[in-house]
Amino acid sequence: MNVRDRKQKLVAEINITPFTDVILVLLIIFMVATPLIMQSSIKIKLPTAASAKPMENIRNQAIITITNESTVFLDDELVTRKELRKKMAMLSRENPNLAVILRSDKLVRFEDVVSVLDIFNELGIKNLNITATNE
């Protein structure tokens, strides 16, 4: 009878240490991978500037990219100028503090850059960052 009493009194406990280890490893992987994912997949040659500074991490942002073929992308999505105006109007209404990051290939005609800047001006978007690389 003594053996049965001992078996019935055993309580199975779940060891959460391996689970915690796995969760922490996954967290580290996501923390390392997120900046890589956030980089644009559209390859352009940015202009150089002596006063270029590293970008701060901005929460509410829209990344506009103009390629050397004068095509415009909004957050890696190909858009026309009309679509850009509509989507930027919607984004700026949803978030008045929207930060716009303008990436333009160094071979783009200035006229194309001005046409995009004109859209921002019409919509009253004031928080504009232009990207460049250090010389």
Protein backbone atom coordinates (compact mmCIF):
# COMPACT_ATOMS: atom_id res chain seq x y z
CA MET A 1 0.00 0.00 0.00
CA ASN A 2 2.90 2.28 0.66
CA VAL A 3 4.11 2.12 -2.98
CA ARG A 4 0.69 3.09 -4.35
CA ASP A 5 0.43 6.09 -2.07
CA ARG A 6 3.77 7.40 -3.32
CA LYS A 7 2.76 7.03 -6.98
CA GLN A 8 -0.50 8.85 -6.45
CA LYS A 9 1.22 11.71 -4.64
CA LEU A 10 3.63 12.43 -7.51
CA VAL A 11 2.73 15.70 -9.17
CA ALA A 12 3.94 16.35 -12.69
CA GLU A 13 5.37 19.84 -13.13
CA ILE A 14 5.99 21.51 -16.43
CA ASN A 15 9.52 22.80 -16.82
CA ILE A 16 9.23 26.15 -18.62
CA THR A 17 12.96 26.83 -18.85
CA PRO A 18 13.35 25.37 -22.38
CA PHE A 19 10.22 27.21 -23.47
CA THR A 20 11.64 30.49 -22.15
CA ASP A 21 14.93 29.83 -23.95
CA VAL A 22 13.14 29.29 -27.25
CA ILE A 23 11.07 32.46 -26.82
CA LEU A 24 14.17 34.53 -26.07
CA VAL A 25 16.00 33.14 -29.10
CA LEU A 26 13.01 33.97 -31.32
CA LEU A 27 12.89 37.48 -29.86
CA ILE A 28 16.56 38.01 -30.65
CA ILE A 29 16.07 36.72 -34.21
CA PHE A 30 13.20 39.15 -34.79
CA MET A 31 15.16 42.04 -33.31
CA VAL A 32 18.07 41.35 -35.65
CA ALA A 33 15.94 40.66 -38.72
CA THR A 34 13.55 43.63 -38.45
CA PRO A 35 16.02 46.33 -39.60
CA LEU A 36 16.97 44.14 -42.55
CA ILE A 37 13.34 43.72 -43.52
CA MET A 38 12.65 47.44 -43.18
CA GLN A 39 15.25 48.29 -45.82
CA SER A 40 13.76 48.95 -49.21
CA SER A 41 14.06 46.23 -51.81
CA ILE A 42 14.20 48.82 -54.59
CA LYS A 43 17.80 49.31 -55.58
CA ILE A 44 18.82 52.87 -56.41
CA LYS A 45 22.06 54.84 -56.33
CA LEU A 46 21.57 57.59 -53.78
CA PRO A 47 23.31 60.93 -54.26
CA THR A 48 26.18 61.74 -51.92
CA ALA A 49 26.34 64.62 -49.46
CA ALA A 50 29.04 65.72 -47.04
CA SER A 51 26.44 66.63 -44.42
CA ALA A 52 24.41 63.40 -44.62
CA LYS A 53 23.43 62.12 -41.18
CA PRO A 54 22.15 58.69 -40.15
CA MET A 55 18.36 58.50 -40.09
CA GLU A 56 16.65 58.20 -36.75
CA ASN A 57 14.06 55.49 -36.34
CA ILE A 58 10.80 57.20 -37.30
CA ARG A 59 7.54 55.49 -36.40
CA ASN A 60 4.90 56.91 -38.74
CA GLN A 61 6.63 57.15 -42.06
CA ALA A 62 6.03 56.76 -45.76
CA ILE A 63 9.00 55.95 -47.96
CA ILE A 64 8.84 57.39 -51.47
CA THR A 65 11.38 56.07 -53.97
CA ILE A 66 12.03 57.53 -57.42
CA THR A 67 14.09 55.27 -59.68
CA ASN A 68 16.32 56.37 -62.54
CA GLU A 69 13.48 55.39 -64.93
CA SER A 70 11.31 58.02 -63.16
CA THR A 71 9.01 55.39 -61.66
CA VAL A 72 7.65 56.18 -58.22
CA PHE A 73 7.19 53.70 -55.39
CA LEU A 74 5.29 54.23 -52.15
CA ASP A 75 6.64 51.78 -49.57
CA ASP A 76 7.88 49.39 -52.31
CA GLU A 77 4.57 49.57 -54.22
CA LEU A 78 4.65 50.99 -57.74
CA VAL A 79 2.29 53.99 -58.01
CA THR A 80 1.44 56.67 -60.54
CA ARG A 81 1.56 60.33 -59.56
CA LYS A 82 -2.26 60.37 -59.19
CA GLU A 83 -2.22 57.27 -56.98
CA LEU A 84 0.61 58.78 -54.94
CA ARG A 85 -1.46 61.94 -54.36
CA LYS A 86 -4.52 59.91 -53.27
CA LYS A 87 -2.59 57.58 -50.97
CA MET A 88 -0.53 60.37 -49.43
CA ALA A 89 -3.70 62.40 -48.82
CA MET A 90 -5.23 59.41 -47.03
CA LEU A 91 -2.07 58.78 -45.00
CA SER A 92 -1.70 62.43 -44.00
CA ARG A 93 -5.36 62.57 -42.92
CA GLU A 94 -4.89 59.46 -40.79
CA ASN A 95 -1.67 60.80 -39.30
CA PRO A 96 -1.01 64.55 -39.40
CA ASN A 97 2.56 63.97 -38.14
CA LEU A 98 3.41 61.65 -41.02
CA ALA A 99 7.11 61.66 -41.87
CA VAL A 100 7.98 61.28 -45.53
CA ILE A 101 11.32 59.83 -46.54
CA LEU A 102 12.21 60.66 -50.13
CA ARG A 103 14.73 58.35 -51.80
CA SER A 104 15.76 59.37 -55.28
CA ASP A 105 18.31 57.88 -57.64
CA LYS A 106 21.13 60.30 -58.37
CA LEU A 107 20.39 60.06 -62.13
CA VAL A 108 16.73 61.13 -61.80
CA ARG A 109 15.76 64.34 -63.56
CA PHE A 110 15.16 67.16 -61.13
CA GLU A 111 11.75 67.72 -62.73
CA ASP A 112 10.60 64.31 -61.46
CA VAL A 113 11.72 65.10 -57.91
CA VAL A 114 9.98 68.48 -58.03
CA SER A 115 6.71 66.89 -59.21
CA VAL A 116 6.73 64.59 -56.16
CA LEU A 117 7.70 67.44 -53.82
CA ASP A 118 4.83 69.46 -55.27
CA ILE A 119 2.39 66.72 -54.20
CA PHE A 120 3.70 66.95 -50.63
CA ASN A 121 3.39 70.73 -50.69
CA GLU A 122 -0.21 70.61 -51.97
CA LEU A 123 -1.14 68.17 -49.19
CA GLY A 124 0.57 70.25 -46.50
CA ILE A 125 3.09 67.56 -45.60
CA LYS A 126 5.90 69.33 -43.79
CA ASN A 127 7.93 66.50 -42.25
CA LEU A 128 10.12 65.58 -45.21
CA ASN A 129 13.47 63.79 -45.14
CA ILE A 130 15.65 63.43 -48.24
CA THR A 131 18.08 60.53 -48.17
CA ALA A 132 21.69 60.63 -49.31
CA THR A 133 24.88 58.76 -48.56
CA ASN A 134 28.02 60.17 -46.98
CA GLU A 135 30.84 61.15 -49.31
